[in-house]
Each structure stands twice: as C-alpha cells, then as structure tokens.
Amino acid sequence: MTLEEVQKQYPDAMKASLTMTTEAMQTHNFYKTDELRKYLQTIFPGNSILYCNCSGRKITAITSKEAYEEEKRQLSMVPGTKVIMTGSEGDFPEYKDKVWEVYAGPKWMCGSLVVWLEGFSGAYSCEHLKIVIE
C-alpha cells in the first residue's frame, strides 16, 4: 500500500517514519502488527493507522483523520443497528431501500470491517452500509 493509493480515498493521509532506540525495540514486540498499531495509536491519536511496518529500528506508518472518522462510523454498526445497503443496488435491485438489522459484528475480515445482517447470507462490508436513523 502506497501513500498515493491511500490518498485517492483519504486525501489527508500522511506517511510517517520513526527510528526507535534499541532499548525501545527490545521493550516492545513491534514485529507483531497488532502491537505496532497499538503503539502508533498513542503517537497519532484520532487517526486510523492504515498501514504500518517495522524493519530493523525503522517504523513506517500511513495515517488519516478522515479514515478514523469512517472507521468510527463503521464500528458503530453493532447488533441491533438498522442499515441500508448502498453498494449492491446494481447487483441486487430487490434490496434497494430494504432496511436490514445487524445481528453480528463488526469484525475485521480481509482488511475490511464487516457485519452480518439478519436474513442476508454471509458478511457485508460496513463501507457499503448506511445507518438508518429512526
């Protein structure tokens, strides 16, 4: 994933490189992506960590505030949330304007947050769902 690719979706994305001390590298297990993301979140609060990598003592990350807001929106789709599909009308015209209820999720799957909808087979990407305010 390059900065230019990310900026097509999130124009505010930025790339940061950090060089850690040997002591810090020995204290943290930055070679596990989850640990590295947790650490970077403290450095970039209010940003989503879209990409991170650790090579030697150098850490590279791509972050975005816009992506953080979108991630918060998607994470709010908890069981009981009513949603409408926005990305499938062309493929499934019978689902246009149908209100679905989330029964499980959100969970990370293949790099996207997904939820399971009551009466729909399989998971559905949160990116293509709109929350219905009643």
C-alpha atoms as a PDB file:
ATOM      1  CA  MET A   1       0.000   0.000   0.000  1.00  0.00           C
ATOM      2  CA  THR A   2       1.468   3.327  -1.049  1.00  0.00           C
ATOM      3  CA  LEU A   3       0.657   6.802   0.207  1.00  0.00           C
ATOM      4  CA  GLU A   4      -0.612   7.770  -3.254  1.00  0.00           C
ATOM      5  CA  GLU A   5      -3.063   4.830  -3.283  1.00  0.00           C
ATOM      6  CA  VAL A   6      -4.411   5.760   0.145  1.00  0.00           C
ATOM      7  CA  GLN A   7      -4.713   9.463  -0.730  1.00  0.00           C
ATOM      8  CA  LYS A   8      -7.159   8.606  -3.528  1.00  0.00           C
ATOM      9  CA  GLN A   9      -9.671   7.651  -0.830  1.00  0.00           C
ATOM     10  CA  TYR A  10      -8.376   9.762   2.070  1.00  0.00           C
ATOM     11  CA  PRO A  11      -6.689  12.964   0.794  1.00  0.00           C
ATOM     12  CA  ASP A  12      -5.489  13.876   4.293  1.00  0.00           C
ATOM     13  CA  ALA A  13      -3.419  10.670   4.646  1.00  0.00           C
ATOM     14  CA  MET A  14       0.199  11.167   5.609  1.00  0.00           C
ATOM     15  CA  LYS A  15       3.245   8.951   5.866  1.00  0.00           C
ATOM     16  CA  ALA A  16       5.478   8.985   8.913  1.00  0.00           C
ATOM     17  CA  SER A  17       8.780   7.262   9.596  1.00  0.00           C
ATOM     18  CA  LEU A  18      10.164   6.781  13.082  1.00  0.00           C
ATOM     19  CA  THR A  19      13.514   5.413  14.147  1.00  0.00           C
ATOM     20  CA  MET A  20      13.375   3.709  17.521  1.00  0.00           C
ATOM     21  CA  THR A  21      16.154   3.235  20.037  1.00  0.00           C
ATOM     22  CA  THR A  22      17.471  -0.253  20.586  1.00  0.00           C
ATOM     23  CA  GLU A  23      16.028  -0.182  24.118  1.00  0.00           C
ATOM     24  CA  ALA A  24      12.552   0.653  22.813  1.00  0.00           C
ATOM     25  CA  MET A  25      12.782  -2.111  20.228  1.00  0.00           C
ATOM     26  CA  GLN A  26      13.696  -4.601  22.948  1.00  0.00           C
ATOM     27  CA  THR A  27      10.827  -3.405  25.188  1.00  0.00           C
ATOM     28  CA  HIS A  28       8.074  -3.724  22.565  1.00  0.00           C
ATOM     29  CA  ASN A  29       7.332  -6.523  20.142  1.00  0.00           C
ATOM     30  CA  PHE A  30       6.807  -4.285  17.097  1.00  0.00           C
ATOM     31  CA  TYR A  31       7.115  -7.216  14.728  1.00  0.00           C
ATOM     32  CA  LYS A  32       3.547  -8.160  15.694  1.00  0.00           C
ATOM     33  CA  THR A  33       1.272  -5.847  13.699  1.00  0.00           C
ATOM     34  CA  ASP A  34      -1.304  -5.526  16.497  1.00  0.00           C
ATOM     35  CA  GLU A  35       1.344  -4.387  18.985  1.00  0.00           C
ATOM     36  CA  LEU A  36       2.755  -1.895  16.497  1.00  0.00           C
ATOM     37  CA  ARG A  37      -0.714  -0.491  15.733  1.00  0.00           C
ATOM     38  CA  LYS A  38      -1.452  -0.044  19.460  1.00  0.00           C
ATOM     39  CA  TYR A  39       1.831   1.830  19.927  1.00  0.00           C
ATOM     40  CA  LEU A  40       1.299   4.043  16.870  1.00  0.00           C
ATOM     41  CA  GLN A  41      -2.235   4.880  18.028  1.00  0.00           C
ATOM     42  CA  THR A  42      -0.723   6.611  21.076  1.00  0.00           C
ATOM     43  CA  ILE A  43       1.512   8.714  18.805  1.00  0.00           C
ATOM     44  CA  PHE A  44      -1.297   9.538  16.341  1.00  0.00           C
ATOM     45  CA  PRO A  45      -4.479   9.829  18.463  1.00  0.00           C
ATOM     46  CA  GLY A  46      -7.608  10.448  16.417  1.00  0.00           C
ATOM     47  CA  ASN A  47      -6.029   8.877  13.330  1.00  0.00           C
ATOM     48  CA  SER A  48      -6.528   5.481  11.760  1.00  0.00           C
ATOM     49  CA  ILE A  49      -3.362   3.524  11.196  1.00  0.00           C
ATOM     50  CA  LEU A  50      -3.929   2.386   7.615  1.00  0.00           C
ATOM     51  CA  TYR A  51      -0.515   0.812   7.108  1.00  0.00           C
ATOM     52  CA  CYS A  52       2.380   0.054   9.394  1.00  0.00           C
ATOM     53  CA  ASN A  53       5.624  -1.831   9.052  1.00  0.00           C
ATOM     54  CA  CYS A  54       8.691  -2.381  11.162  1.00  0.00           C
ATOM     55  CA  SER A  55      12.052  -3.028   9.547  1.00  0.00           C
ATOM     56  CA  GLY A  56      15.039  -3.069  11.854  1.00  0.00           C
ATOM     57  CA  ARG A  57      14.634   0.022  14.041  1.00  0.00           C
ATOM     58  CA  LYS A  58      12.627   1.948  11.428  1.00  0.00           C
ATOM     59  CA  ILE A  59       8.842   2.100  11.690  1.00  0.00           C
ATOM     60  CA  THR A  60       6.772   3.349   8.755  1.00  0.00           C
ATOM     61  CA  ALA A  61       3.097   4.253   9.024  1.00  0.00           C
ATOM     62  CA  ILE A  62       0.345   5.805   6.923  1.00  0.00           C
ATOM     63  CA  THR A  63      -2.335   7.546   8.990  1.00  0.00           C
ATOM     64  CA  SER A  64      -5.512   9.536   8.314  1.00  0.00           C
ATOM     65  CA  LYS A  65      -8.011  11.504  10.420  1.00  0.00           C
ATOM     66  CA  GLU A  66     -10.702  11.069   7.724  1.00  0.00           C
ATOM     67  CA  ALA A  67     -10.217   7.301   7.843  1.00  0.00           C
ATOM     68  CA  TYR A  68     -10.566   7.423  11.640  1.00  0.00           C
ATOM     69  CA  GLU A  69     -13.981   9.073  11.344  1.00  0.00           C
ATOM     70  CA  GLU A  70     -15.076   6.472   8.783  1.00  0.00           C
ATOM     71  CA  GLU A  71     -13.760   3.652  10.995  1.00  0.00           C
ATOM     72  CA  LYS A  72     -15.745   5.037  13.968  1.00  0.00           C
ATOM     73  CA  ARG A  73     -18.883   5.105  11.780  1.00  0.00           C
ATOM     74  CA  GLN A  74     -18.358   1.504  10.739  1.00  0.00           C
ATOM     75  CA  LEU A  75     -17.579   0.341  14.284  1.00  0.00           C
ATOM     76  CA  SER A  76     -20.889   1.845  15.442  1.00  0.00           C
ATOM     77  CA  MET A  77     -22.769  -0.830  13.448  1.00  0.00           C
ATOM     78  CA  VAL A  78     -23.344  -3.089  16.426  1.00  0.00           C
ATOM     79  CA  PRO A  79     -26.073  -5.743  16.721  1.00  0.00           C
ATOM     80  CA  GLY A  80     -29.500  -4.116  16.562  1.00  0.00           C
ATOM     81  CA  THR A  81     -28.375  -1.282  14.241  1.00  0.00           C
ATOM     82  CA  LYS A  82     -30.670  -0.739  11.254  1.00  0.00           C
ATOM     83  CA  VAL A  83     -28.866  -0.209   7.926  1.00  0.00           C
ATOM     84  CA  ILE A  84     -29.470   0.160   4.197  1.00  0.00           C
ATOM     85  CA  MET A  85     -27.108  -1.268   1.556  1.00  0.00           C
ATOM     86  CA  THR A  86     -25.526   1.414  -0.629  1.00  0.00           C
ATOM     87  CA  GLY A  87     -23.150  -0.713  -2.676  1.00  0.00           C
ATOM     88  CA  SER A  88     -25.319  -3.502  -4.027  1.00  0.00           C
ATOM     89  CA  GLU A  89     -28.356  -1.958  -5.739  1.00  0.00           C
ATOM     90  CA  GLY A  90     -26.903  -2.664  -9.180  1.00  0.00           C
ATOM     91  CA  ASP A  91     -26.292  -6.302  -8.312  1.00  0.00           C
ATOM     92  CA  PHE A  92     -29.401  -6.796  -6.181  1.00  0.00           C
ATOM     93  CA  PRO A  93     -32.164  -4.351  -7.202  1.00  0.00           C
ATOM     94  CA  GLU A  94     -34.595  -6.183  -4.898  1.00  0.00           C
ATOM     95  CA  TYR A  95     -32.528  -4.927  -1.906  1.00  0.00           C
ATOM     96  CA  LYS A  96     -32.834  -1.240  -2.868  1.00  0.00           C
ATOM     97  CA  ASP A  97     -34.183   0.689   0.141  1.00  0.00           C
ATOM     98  CA  LYS A  98     -34.593  -2.509   2.191  1.00  0.00           C
ATOM     99  CA  VAL A  99     -33.803  -1.963   5.873  1.00  0.00           C
ATOM    100  CA  TRP A 100     -31.613  -4.671   7.410  1.00  0.00           C
ATOM    101  CA  GLU A 101     -30.756  -5.323  11.041  1.00  0.00           C
ATOM    102  CA  VAL A 102     -27.200  -6.104  12.089  1.00  0.00           C
ATOM    103  CA  TYR A 103     -27.065  -9.298  14.153  1.00  0.00           C
ATOM    104  CA  ALA A 104     -23.290  -9.769  14.484  1.00  0.00           C
ATOM    105  CA  GLY A 105     -20.123  -7.754  14.086  1.00  0.00           C
ATOM    106  CA  PRO A 106     -18.419  -5.585  13.225  1.00  0.00           C
ATOM    107  CA  LYS A 107     -15.348  -7.740  12.689  1.00  0.00           C
ATOM    108  CA  TRP A 108     -12.234  -7.338  10.558  1.00  0.00           C
ATOM    109  CA  MET A 109     -12.250  -9.636   7.532  1.00  0.00           C
ATOM    110  CA  CYS A 110      -9.780  -9.396   4.640  1.00  0.00           C
ATOM    111  CA  GLY A 111      -8.840  -5.824   5.558  1.00  0.00           C
ATOM    112  CA  SER A 112     -12.412  -4.504   5.893  1.00  0.00           C
ATOM    113  CA  LEU A 113     -14.912  -4.198   8.691  1.00  0.00           C
ATOM    114  CA  VAL A 114     -17.908  -6.425   8.013  1.00  0.00           C
ATOM    115  CA  VAL A 115     -21.216  -7.216   9.724  1.00  0.00           C
ATOM    116  CA  TRP A 116     -23.767  -9.980   9.386  1.00  0.00           C
ATOM    117  CA  LEU A 117     -27.299  -8.932   8.524  1.00  0.00           C
ATOM    118  CA  GLU A 118     -30.499 -10.686   9.582  1.00  0.00           C
ATOM    119  CA  GLY A 119     -31.832 -12.543   6.507  1.00  0.00           C
ATOM    120  CA  PHE A 120     -28.728 -11.997   4.360  1.00  0.00           C
ATOM    121  CA  SER A 121     -26.339 -14.838   3.585  1.00  0.00           C
ATOM    122  CA  GLY A 122     -22.737 -14.053   4.503  1.00  0.00           C
ATOM    123  CA  ALA A 123     -20.963 -10.953   5.739  1.00  0.00           C
ATOM    124  CA  TYR A 124     -21.396  -7.481   4.237  1.00  0.00           C
ATOM    125  CA  SER A 125     -18.825  -4.658   4.162  1.00  0.00           C
ATOM    126  CA  CYS A 126     -19.628  -1.788   6.533  1.00  0.00           C
ATOM    127  CA  GLU A 127     -18.185   0.608   3.953  1.00  0.00           C
ATOM    128  CA  HIS A 128     -21.258  -0.001   1.778  1.00  0.00           C
ATOM    129  CA  LEU A 129     -23.865   0.378   4.519  1.00  0.00           C
ATOM    130  CA  LYS A 130     -25.706   3.475   5.667  1.00  0.00           C
ATOM    131  CA  ILE A 131     -27.114   3.656   9.179  1.00  0.00           C
ATOM    132  CA  VAL A 132     -30.867   4.308   9.303  1.00  0.00           C
ATOM    133  CA  ILE A 133     -31.881   6.888  11.897  1.00  0.00           C
ATOM    134  CA  GLU A 134     -35.393   6.199  13.138  1.00  0.00           C
END
